[in-house]
């Protein structure tokens, strides 16, 4: 052991003796539940990022008179077919 670790242990041992034996702590079960929730959140965020990358968003034109180029060409083709 190095001098630093020995010094740290001598300071931590009195703190451990002050721990109340009747006090309830989360323990291993609390850590496991917290770790599972953290893993679930990580997986959900990963899935959300994957789905958000697939989103194709085109902003609507600001002027009501202008239509998008793709919509106007499709409308003209549809009119030619029915006529």
N, C-alpha and C. Protein backbone atom coordinates (compact mmCIF):
# COMPACT_ATOMS: atom_id res chain seq x y z
N UNK A 1 0.84 -1.19 0.00
CA UNK A 1 0.00 0.00 0.00
C UNK A 1 0.87 1.24 0.00
N UNK A 2 0.42 2.23 -0.70
CA UNK A 2 1.17 3.47 -0.72
C UNK A 2 0.82 4.31 0.50
N UNK A 3 1.58 5.35 0.70
CA UNK A 3 1.35 6.22 1.86
C UNK A 3 0.01 6.94 1.73
N UNK A 4 -0.36 7.29 0.51
CA UNK A 4 -1.62 8.02 0.30
C UNK A 4 -2.82 7.14 0.64
N UNK A 5 -2.79 5.88 0.21
CA UNK A 5 -3.92 5.00 0.50
C UNK A 5 -3.99 4.67 1.99
N UNK A 6 -2.85 4.55 2.65
CA UNK A 6 -2.85 4.29 4.10
C UNK A 6 -3.42 5.48 4.84
N UNK A 7 -3.05 6.68 4.42
CA UNK A 7 -3.57 7.89 5.05
C UNK A 7 -5.08 7.99 4.83
N UNK A 8 -5.54 7.66 3.62
CA UNK A 8 -6.98 7.71 3.33
C UNK A 8 -7.74 6.71 4.19
N UNK A 9 -7.19 5.52 4.35
CA UNK A 9 -7.86 4.49 5.16
C UNK A 9 -7.95 4.91 6.62
N UNK A 10 -6.91 5.55 7.14
CA UNK A 10 -6.94 5.96 8.56
C UNK A 10 -7.98 7.05 8.79
N UNK A 11 -8.27 7.85 7.76
CA UNK A 11 -9.30 8.88 7.91
C UNK A 11 -10.70 8.31 7.70
N UNK A 12 -10.85 7.26 6.92
CA UNK A 12 -12.17 6.70 6.64
C UNK A 12 -12.65 5.73 7.71
N UNK A 13 -11.75 5.08 8.42
CA UNK A 13 -12.16 4.10 9.44
C UNK A 13 -12.97 4.76 10.54
N UNK A 14 -12.59 5.93 11.07
CA UNK A 14 -13.45 6.56 12.09
C UNK A 14 -14.83 6.95 11.54
N UNK A 15 -14.89 7.31 10.27
CA UNK A 15 -16.19 7.65 9.68
C UNK A 15 -17.09 6.43 9.61
N UNK A 16 -16.53 5.27 9.34
CA UNK A 16 -17.31 4.05 9.27
C UNK A 16 -17.84 3.66 10.65
N UNK A 17 -17.10 3.95 11.70
CA UNK A 17 -17.56 3.63 13.06
C UNK A 17 -18.73 4.52 13.46
N UNK A 18 -18.81 5.73 12.91
CA UNK A 18 -19.90 6.64 13.24
C UNK A 18 -21.20 6.28 12.55
N UNK A 19 -21.15 5.33 11.60
CA UNK A 19 -22.35 4.93 10.87
C UNK A 19 -23.32 4.24 11.81
N UNK A 20 -24.56 4.69 11.81
CA UNK A 20 -25.58 4.11 12.69
C UNK A 20 -26.04 2.78 12.10
N UNK A 21 -25.94 1.71 12.87
CA UNK A 21 -26.31 0.37 12.41
C UNK A 21 -27.82 0.24 12.21
N UNK A 22 -28.64 1.07 12.85
CA UNK A 22 -30.09 0.97 12.75
C UNK A 22 -30.64 1.82 11.60
N UNK A 23 -29.79 2.52 10.90
CA UNK A 23 -30.24 3.38 9.82
C UNK A 23 -30.46 2.54 8.56
N UNK A 24 -31.56 2.80 7.87
CA UNK A 24 -31.89 2.06 6.66
C UNK A 24 -31.20 2.75 5.47
N UNK A 25 -30.51 1.97 4.66
CA UNK A 25 -29.85 2.48 3.46
C UNK A 25 -30.35 1.70 2.25
N UNK A 26 -30.21 2.24 1.04
CA UNK A 26 -30.73 1.56 -0.15
C UNK A 26 -30.05 0.21 -0.41
N UNK A 27 -28.79 0.11 -0.16
CA UNK A 27 -28.10 -1.16 -0.32
C UNK A 27 -27.94 -1.58 -1.78
N UNK A 28 -27.69 -2.86 -1.97
CA UNK A 28 -27.43 -3.42 -3.29
C UNK A 28 -28.69 -3.38 -4.15
N UNK A 29 -29.84 -3.69 -3.57
CA UNK A 29 -31.09 -3.67 -4.34
C UNK A 29 -31.38 -2.28 -4.89
N UNK A 30 -31.15 -1.25 -4.10
CA UNK A 30 -31.35 0.12 -4.57
C UNK A 30 -30.42 0.46 -5.72
N UNK A 31 -29.17 0.01 -5.62
CA UNK A 31 -28.22 0.25 -6.71
C UNK A 31 -28.64 -0.47 -7.98
N UNK A 32 -29.11 -1.71 -7.85
CA UNK A 32 -29.52 -2.49 -9.02
C UNK A 32 -30.72 -1.82 -9.70
N UNK A 33 -31.70 -1.40 -8.92
CA UNK A 33 -32.88 -0.73 -9.50
C UNK A 33 -32.47 0.56 -10.19
N UNK A 34 -31.61 1.34 -9.55
CA UNK A 34 -31.14 2.59 -10.14
C UNK A 34 -30.37 2.33 -11.44
N UNK A 35 -29.54 1.30 -11.46
CA UNK A 35 -28.77 0.96 -12.66
C UNK A 35 -29.70 0.50 -13.79
N UNK A 36 -30.74 -0.26 -13.48
CA UNK A 36 -31.68 -0.72 -14.51
C UNK A 36 -32.45 0.46 -15.09
N UNK A 37 -32.88 1.38 -14.24
CA UNK A 37 -33.59 2.56 -14.73
C UNK A 37 -32.66 3.41 -15.60
N UNK A 38 -31.41 3.57 -15.18
CA UNK A 38 -30.45 4.32 -15.98
C UNK A 38 -30.21 3.66 -17.33
N UNK A 39 -30.09 2.34 -17.36
CA UNK A 39 -29.91 1.62 -18.62
C UNK A 39 -31.12 1.76 -19.53
N UNK A 40 -32.32 1.71 -18.95
CA UNK A 40 -33.54 1.86 -19.74
C UNK A 40 -33.62 3.25 -20.36
N UNK A 41 -33.27 4.27 -19.59
CA UNK A 41 -33.29 5.64 -20.12
C UNK A 41 -32.27 5.78 -21.25
N UNK A 42 -31.09 5.18 -21.09
CA UNK A 42 -30.07 5.24 -22.13
C UNK A 42 -30.57 4.58 -23.42
N UNK A 43 -31.20 3.41 -23.29
CA UNK A 43 -31.72 2.73 -24.47
C UNK A 43 -32.85 3.52 -25.14
N UNK A 44 -33.72 4.13 -24.34
CA UNK A 44 -34.79 4.94 -24.90
C UNK A 44 -34.24 6.16 -25.64
N UNK A 45 -33.21 6.80 -25.10
CA UNK A 45 -32.62 7.95 -25.76
C UNK A 45 -31.93 7.54 -27.06
N UNK A 46 -31.29 6.38 -27.05
CA UNK A 46 -30.64 5.88 -28.26
C UNK A 46 -31.68 5.59 -29.35
N UNK A 47 -32.79 4.99 -28.97
CA UNK A 47 -33.86 4.70 -29.92
C UNK A 47 -34.49 5.99 -30.44
N UNK A 48 -34.69 6.97 -29.55
CA UNK A 48 -35.28 8.24 -29.97
C UNK A 48 -34.37 8.94 -30.99
N UNK A 49 -33.07 8.93 -30.75
CA UNK A 49 -32.14 9.56 -31.69
C UNK A 49 -32.20 8.88 -33.04
N UNK A 50 -32.31 7.56 -33.05
CA UNK A 50 -32.39 6.82 -34.31
C UNK A 50 -33.67 7.21 -35.07
N UNK A 51 -34.79 7.32 -34.36
CA UNK A 51 -36.04 7.68 -35.01
C UNK A 51 -36.05 9.14 -35.47
N UNK A 52 -35.42 10.02 -34.70
CA UNK A 52 -35.40 11.43 -35.07
C UNK A 52 -34.54 11.67 -36.30
N UNK A 53 -33.53 10.83 -36.53
CA UNK A 53 -32.71 10.97 -37.72
C UNK A 53 -33.49 10.60 -38.98
N UNK A 54 -34.52 9.78 -38.84
CA UNK A 54 -35.33 9.37 -39.99
C UNK A 54 -36.37 10.41 -40.38
N UNK A 55 -36.65 11.38 -39.52
CA UNK A 55 -37.68 12.37 -39.78
C UNK A 55 -37.22 13.29 -40.91
N UNK A 56 -38.09 13.46 -41.91
CA UNK A 56 -37.81 14.36 -43.02
C UNK A 56 -38.82 15.50 -42.93
N UNK A 57 -38.36 16.65 -42.47
CA UNK A 57 -39.25 17.78 -42.23
C UNK A 57 -38.96 18.88 -43.24
N UNK A 58 -40.01 19.33 -43.94
CA UNK A 58 -39.90 20.47 -44.83
C UNK A 58 -40.82 21.55 -44.31
N UNK A 59 -40.26 22.74 -44.15
CA UNK A 59 -41.03 23.84 -43.59
C UNK A 59 -42.03 24.35 -44.61
N UNK A 60 -43.24 24.68 -44.15
CA UNK A 60 -44.29 25.21 -45.02
C UNK A 60 -43.91 26.61 -45.48
N UNK A 61 -44.33 27.03 -46.68
CA UNK A 61 -44.01 28.39 -47.14
C UNK A 61 -44.70 29.43 -46.27
N UNK A 62 -44.04 30.58 -46.15
CA UNK A 62 -44.60 31.63 -45.29
C UNK A 62 -45.75 32.37 -45.97
N UNK A 63 -45.69 32.52 -47.29
CA UNK A 63 -46.74 33.21 -48.00
C UNK A 63 -47.83 32.22 -48.39
N UNK A 64 -49.10 32.55 -48.10
CA UNK A 64 -50.18 31.60 -48.41
C UNK A 64 -50.38 31.37 -49.90
N UNK A 65 -49.98 32.29 -50.76
CA UNK A 65 -50.18 32.14 -52.20
C UNK A 65 -49.19 31.19 -52.85
N UNK A 66 -48.04 31.01 -52.24
CA UNK A 66 -47.03 30.14 -52.83
C UNK A 66 -47.21 28.70 -52.36
N UNK A 67 -47.13 27.77 -53.29
CA UNK A 67 -47.21 26.36 -52.95
C UNK A 67 -45.83 25.75 -53.19
N UNK A 68 -45.48 24.69 -52.50
CA UNK A 68 -44.20 24.04 -52.75
C UNK A 68 -44.12 23.52 -54.17
N UNK A 69 -42.93 23.46 -54.74
CA UNK A 69 -42.75 23.03 -56.12
C UNK A 69 -43.21 21.60 -56.33
N UNK A 70 -42.95 20.73 -55.40
CA UNK A 70 -43.34 19.32 -55.55
C UNK A 70 -44.86 19.17 -55.57
N UNK A 71 -45.54 19.92 -54.73
CA UNK A 71 -47.00 19.81 -54.67
C UNK A 71 -47.64 20.38 -55.94
N UNK A 72 -47.09 21.47 -56.47
CA UNK A 72 -47.70 22.06 -57.66
C UNK A 72 -47.50 21.18 -58.89
N UNK A 73 -46.35 20.50 -59.00
CA UNK A 73 -46.14 19.62 -60.16
C UNK A 73 -47.00 18.37 -60.05
N UNK A 74 -47.21 17.87 -58.85
CA UNK A 74 -48.07 16.70 -58.69
C UNK A 74 -49.51 17.04 -59.02
N UNK A 75 -49.94 18.23 -58.64
CA UNK A 75 -51.30 18.66 -58.94
C UNK A 75 -51.53 18.81 -60.43
N UNK A 76 -50.56 19.32 -61.13
CA UNK A 76 -50.69 19.50 -62.57
C UNK A 76 -50.72 18.14 -63.26
N UNK A 77 -49.92 17.21 -62.81
CA UNK A 77 -49.94 15.87 -63.40
C UNK A 77 -51.27 15.18 -63.15
N UNK A 78 -51.82 15.38 -61.97
CA UNK A 78 -53.10 14.75 -61.65
C UNK A 78 -54.22 15.31 -62.49
N UNK A 79 -54.18 16.62 -62.80
CA UNK A 79 -55.20 17.24 -63.62
C UNK A 79 -55.10 16.74 -65.07
N UNK A 80 -53.89 16.52 -65.55
CA UNK A 80 -53.72 16.04 -66.92
C UNK A 80 -54.26 14.63 -67.07
N UNK A 81 -54.12 13.83 -66.06
CA UNK A 81 -54.59 12.44 -66.12
C UNK A 81 -56.12 12.37 -66.16
N UNK A 82 -56.77 13.23 -65.39
CA UNK A 82 -58.24 13.16 -65.33
C UNK A 82 -58.88 13.83 -66.53
N UNK A 83 -58.20 14.74 -67.18
CA UNK A 83 -58.80 15.48 -68.30
C UNK A 83 -58.82 14.70 -69.56
